[in-house]
PDB file of N, CA and C in Angstrom:
ATOM      1  N   HIS A   1       0.576  -1.378   0.002  1.00  0.00           N
ATOM      2  CA  HIS A   1       0.249  -0.376  -0.056  1.00  0.00           C
ATOM      3  C   HIS A   1       0.964   1.074  -0.391  1.00  0.00           C
ATOM      4  N   SER A   2       0.482   2.497   0.091  1.00  0.00           N
ATOM      5  CA  SER A   2       1.156   3.892  -0.036  1.00  0.00           C
ATOM      6  C   SER A   2       2.036   4.393   0.870  1.00  0.00           C
ATOM      7  N   GLU A   3       1.488   3.370   1.844  1.00  0.00           N
ATOM      8  CA  GLU A   3       2.624   3.856   2.941  1.00  0.00           C
ATOM      9  C   GLU A   3       4.100   3.427   2.920  1.00  0.00           C
ATOM     10  N   GLY A   4       3.974   2.070   2.958  1.00  0.00           N
ATOM     11  CA  GLY A   4       5.272   0.953   2.086  1.00  0.00           C
ATOM     12  C   GLY A   4       5.979   1.853   1.227  1.00  0.00           C
ATOM     13  N   LEU A   5       5.390   2.793   0.201  1.00  0.00           N
ATOM     14  CA  LEU A   5       6.055   3.661  -0.598  1.00  0.00           C
ATOM     15  C   LEU A   5       6.330   5.480  -0.174  1.00  0.00           C
ATOM     16  N   ALA A   6       6.249   4.995   1.078  1.00  0.00           N
ATOM     17  CA  ALA A   6       6.336   6.631   1.556  1.00  0.00           C
ATOM     18  C   ALA A   6       5.785   7.606   1.433  1.00  0.00           C
ATOM     19  N   CYS A   7       4.294   6.874   1.119  1.00  0.00           N
ATOM     20  CA  CYS A   7       3.601   8.361   0.690  1.00  0.00           C
ATOM     21  C   CYS A   7       2.146   7.955   1.089  1.00  0.00           C
ATOM     22  N   PRO A   8       2.208   8.286   2.912  1.00  0.00           N
ATOM     23  CA  PRO A   8       0.635   7.416   3.400  1.00  0.00           C
ATOM     24  C   PRO A   8      -0.429   8.419   2.715  1.00  0.00           C
ATOM     25  N   ILE A   9      -1.671   7.956   2.799  1.00  0.00           N
ATOM     26  CA  ILE A   9      -2.912   8.929   2.540  1.00  0.00           C
ATOM     27  C   ILE A   9      -3.312   9.518   3.362  1.00  0.00           C
ATOM     28  N   LEU A  10      -3.277  11.086   3.541  1.00  0.00           N
ATOM     29  CA  LEU A  10      -3.991  12.094   4.264  1.00  0.00           C
ATOM     30  C   LEU A  10      -5.224  11.685   4.658  1.00  0.00           C
ATOM     31  N   GLY A  11      -5.375  11.659   6.138  1.00  0.00           N
ATOM     32  CA  GLY A  11      -6.897  11.052   6.086  1.00  0.00           C
ATOM     33  C   GLY A  11      -7.123   9.423   5.997  1.00  0.00           C
ATOM     34  N   ASP A  12      -5.738   8.973   5.958  1.00  0.00           N
ATOM     35  CA  ASP A  12      -6.243   6.883   5.963  1.00  0.00           C
ATOM     36  C   ASP A  12      -6.420   7.245   7.909  1.00  0.00           C
ATOM     37  N   THR A  13      -6.904   6.722   8.422  1.00  0.00           N
ATOM     38  CA  THR A  13      -6.862   6.648   9.538  1.00  0.00           C
ATOM     39  C   THR A  13      -6.203   5.347  10.394  1.00  0.00           C
ATOM     40  N   LEU A  14      -5.909   4.361   9.445  1.00  0.00           N
ATOM     41  CA  LEU A  14      -4.791   3.556   9.476  1.00  0.00           C
ATOM     42  C   LEU A  14      -3.320   3.808   9.377  1.00  0.00           C
ATOM     43  N   TYR A  15      -3.029   4.276   8.414  1.00  0.00           N
ATOM     44  CA  TYR A  15      -1.625   4.307   8.133  1.00  0.00           C
ATOM     45  C   TYR A  15      -1.395   5.763   7.871  1.00  0.00           C
ATOM     46  N   GLY A  16      -2.193   6.476   8.040  1.00  0.00           N
ATOM     47  CA  GLY A  16      -1.538   8.317   7.556  1.00  0.00           C
ATOM     48  C   GLY A  16      -1.971   8.973   8.496  1.00  0.00           C
ATOM     49  N   LYS A  17      -1.693  10.601   8.552  1.00  0.00           N
ATOM     50  CA  LYS A  17      -2.332  11.365   9.466  1.00  0.00           C
ATOM     51  C   LYS A  17      -3.988  11.499   9.742  1.00  0.00           C
ATOM     52  N   ARG A  18      -4.315  11.522  10.653  1.00  0.00           N
ATOM     53  CA  ARG A  18      -5.916  12.149  10.361  1.00  0.00           C
ATOM     54  C   ARG A  18      -6.398  13.398   9.792  1.00  0.00           C
ATOM     55  N   ALA A  19      -7.389  13.460   9.352  1.00  0.00           N
ATOM     56  CA  ALA A  19      -7.901  14.573   8.458  1.00  0.00           C
ATOM     57  C   ALA A  19      -9.536  14.388   8.484  1.00  0.00           C
ATOM     58  N   ASP A  20     -10.373  15.434   8.073  1.00  0.00           N
ATOM     59  CA  ASP A  20     -11.568  15.422   8.278  1.00  0.00           C
ATOM     60  C   ASP A  20     -12.220  14.610   6.971  1.00  0.00           C
ATOM     61  N   ARG A  21     -11.520  14.081   6.320  1.00  0.00           N
ATOM     62  CA  ARG A  21     -11.736  13.609   4.860  1.00  0.00           C
ATOM     63  C   ARG A  21     -10.659  12.659   4.613  1.00  0.00           C
ATOM     64  N   LEU A  22     -11.036  11.621   2.804  1.00  0.00           N
ATOM     65  CA  LEU A  22      -9.793  10.945   2.652  1.00  0.00           C
ATOM     66  C   LEU A  22      -9.581  12.193   1.680  1.00  0.00           C
ATOM     67  N   TYR A  23      -7.966  12.410   1.716  1.00  0.00           N
ATOM     68  CA  TYR A  23      -7.075  13.280   0.737  1.00  0.00           C
ATOM     69  C   TYR A  23      -6.753  12.226  -0.467  1.00  0.00           C
ATOM     70  N   LEU A  24      -7.450  11.778  -1.431  1.00  0.00           N
ATOM     71  CA  LEU A  24      -6.975  11.282  -2.309  1.00  0.00           C
ATOM     72  C   LEU A  24      -6.631  12.092  -3.831  1.00  0.00           C
ATOM     73  N   HIS A  25      -5.592  12.099  -4.166  1.00  0.00           N
ATOM     74  CA  HIS A  25      -5.194  12.876  -5.563  1.00  0.00           C
ATOM     75  C   HIS A  25      -4.713  12.384  -6.847  1.00  0.00           C
ATOM     76  N   ALA A  26      -5.109  12.305  -7.728  1.00  0.00           N
ATOM     77  CA  ALA A  26      -4.276  11.643  -8.726  1.00  0.00           C
ATOM     78  C   ALA A  26      -3.859  13.169  -9.492  1.00  0.00           C
ATOM     79  N   GLU A  27      -2.336  13.339  -9.928  1.00  0.00           N
ATOM     80  CA  GLU A  27      -1.826  14.235 -10.516  1.00  0.00           C
ATOM     81  C   GLU A  27      -2.241  14.213 -11.886  1.00  0.00           C
ATOM     82  N   TYR A  28      -3.020  13.191 -12.564  1.00  0.00           N
ATOM     83  CA  TYR A  28      -3.466  13.381 -14.288  1.00  0.00           C
ATOM     84  C   TYR A  28      -3.706  11.878 -14.305  1.00  0.00           C
ATOM     85  N   LEU A  29      -5.003  12.004 -15.328  1.00  0.00           N
ATOM     86  CA  LEU A  29      -5.841  10.736 -15.536  1.00  0.00           C
ATOM     87  C   LEU A  29      -5.752  10.536 -17.097  1.00  0.00           C
ATOM     88  N   GLU A  30      -5.176   9.511 -17.466  1.00  0.00           N
ATOM     89  CA  GLU A  30      -5.071   9.321 -18.858  1.00  0.00           C
ATOM     90  C   GLU A  30      -5.715   8.091 -19.410  1.00  0.00           C
ATOM     91  N   PHE A  31      -6.609   7.923 -20.661  1.00  0.00           N
ATOM     92  CA  PHE A  31      -7.309   6.926 -21.014  1.00  0.00           C
ATOM     93  C   PHE A  31      -7.554   6.990 -22.642  1.00  0.00           C
ATOM     94  N   THR A  32      -7.807   5.787 -23.107  1.00  0.00           N
ATOM     95  CA  THR A  32      -8.150   6.468 -24.724  1.00  0.00           C
ATOM     96  C   THR A  32      -9.923   6.090 -24.444  1.00  0.00           C
ATOM     97  N   HIS A  33     -11.080   7.029 -25.246  1.00  0.00           N
ATOM     98  CA  HIS A  33     -12.076   7.226 -25.202  1.00  0.00           C
ATOM     99  C   HIS A  33     -12.551   6.027 -25.747  1.00  0.00           C
ATOM    100  N   PRO A  34     -13.613   5.479 -25.259  1.00  0.00           N
ATOM    101  CA  PRO A  34     -13.723   4.559 -26.338  1.00  0.00           C
ATOM    102  C   PRO A  34     -14.534   4.110 -27.645  1.00  0.00           C
ATOM    103  N   THR A  35     -15.084   5.518 -27.865  1.00  0.00           N
ATOM    104  CA  THR A  35     -15.489   5.526 -28.908  1.00  0.00           C
ATOM    105  C   THR A  35     -14.622   6.286 -30.089  1.00  0.00           C
ATOM    106  N   THR A  36     -14.143   7.348 -30.003  1.00  0.00           N
ATOM    107  CA  THR A  36     -13.089   8.149 -30.880  1.00  0.00           C
ATOM    108  C   THR A  36     -12.132   7.583 -30.958  1.00  0.00           C
ATOM    109  N   GLY A  37     -11.171   7.020 -29.695  1.00  0.00           N
ATOM    110  CA  GLY A  37     -10.308   6.321 -29.719  1.00  0.00           C
ATOM    111  C   GLY A  37      -9.175   7.012 -29.245  1.00  0.00           C
ATOM    112  N   LYS A  38      -9.443   8.413 -29.390  1.00  0.00           N
ATOM    113  CA  LYS A  38      -8.402   9.414 -28.964  1.00  0.00           C
ATOM    114  C   LYS A  38      -7.529   9.195 -27.481  1.00  0.00           C
ATOM    115  N   ARG A  39      -6.685   9.513 -27.307  1.00  0.00           N
ATOM    116  CA  ARG A  39      -6.261   9.524 -26.002  1.00  0.00           C
ATOM    117  C   ARG A  39      -6.313  10.766 -25.218  1.00  0.00           C
ATOM    118  N   LEU A  40      -7.051  10.669 -24.229  1.00  0.00           N
ATOM    119  CA  LEU A  40      -7.128  11.826 -23.456  1.00  0.00           C
ATOM    120  C   LEU A  40      -6.559  11.856 -22.021  1.00  0.00           C
ATOM    121  N   ARG A  41      -6.111  13.171 -21.695  1.00  0.00           N
ATOM    122  CA  ARG A  41      -5.107  12.973 -20.618  1.00  0.00           C
ATOM    123  C   ARG A  41      -5.338  14.657 -19.991  1.00  0.00           C
ATOM    124  N   PHE A  42      -6.015  14.300 -19.001  1.00  0.00           N
ATOM    125  CA  PHE A  42      -6.301  15.852 -17.473  1.00  0.00           C
ATOM    126  C   PHE A  42      -5.280  15.604 -16.615  1.00  0.00           C
ATOM    127  N   LYS A  43      -4.584  17.015 -16.194  1.00  0.00           N
ATOM    128  CA  LYS A  43      -4.008  16.642 -15.280  1.00  0.00           C
ATOM    129  C   LYS A  43      -4.118  18.035 -14.670  1.00  0.00           C
ATOM    130  N   LYS A  44      -4.269  17.718 -12.855  1.00  0.00           N
ATOM    131  CA  LYS A  44      -4.232  19.051 -12.383  1.00  0.00           C
ATOM    132  C   LYS A  44      -3.281  18.834 -10.956  1.00  0.00           C
ATOM    133  N   LYS A  45      -2.865  20.045 -10.624  1.00  0.00           N
ATOM    134  CA  LYS A  45      -1.777  20.106  -9.460  1.00  0.00           C
ATOM    135  C   LYS A  45      -2.511  20.295  -8.073  1.00  0.00           C
ATOM    136  N   LEU A  46      -1.929  19.414  -6.907  1.00  0.00           N
ATOM    137  CA  LEU A  46      -2.779  19.329  -5.981  1.00  0.00           C
ATOM    138  C   LEU A  46      -2.464  20.895  -5.228  1.00  0.00           C
ATOM    139  N   THR A  47      -3.736  21.219  -4.475  1.00  0.00           N
ATOM    140  CA  THR A  47      -3.968  22.386  -4.075  1.00  0.00           C
ATOM    141  C   THR A  47      -4.250  22.272  -2.782  1.00  0.00           C
ATOM    142  N   ILE A  48      -3.665  21.591  -2.101  1.00  0.00           N
ATOM    143  CA  ILE A  48      -3.831  22.072  -0.535  1.00  0.00           C
ATOM    144  C   ILE A  48      -2.395  22.072   0.362  1.00  0.00           C
TER     145      ILE A  48
END
């Protein structure tokens, strides 16, 4: 899991620091559109 990679998830009450919610963030999502076949990539920086 992510704690073993030195990247615990904020809000994970077992392995990470406590928070008001689970803070799981993907820097980017990338996939091939099932209809068009076009490769799509969405990128967002962490803002906390």
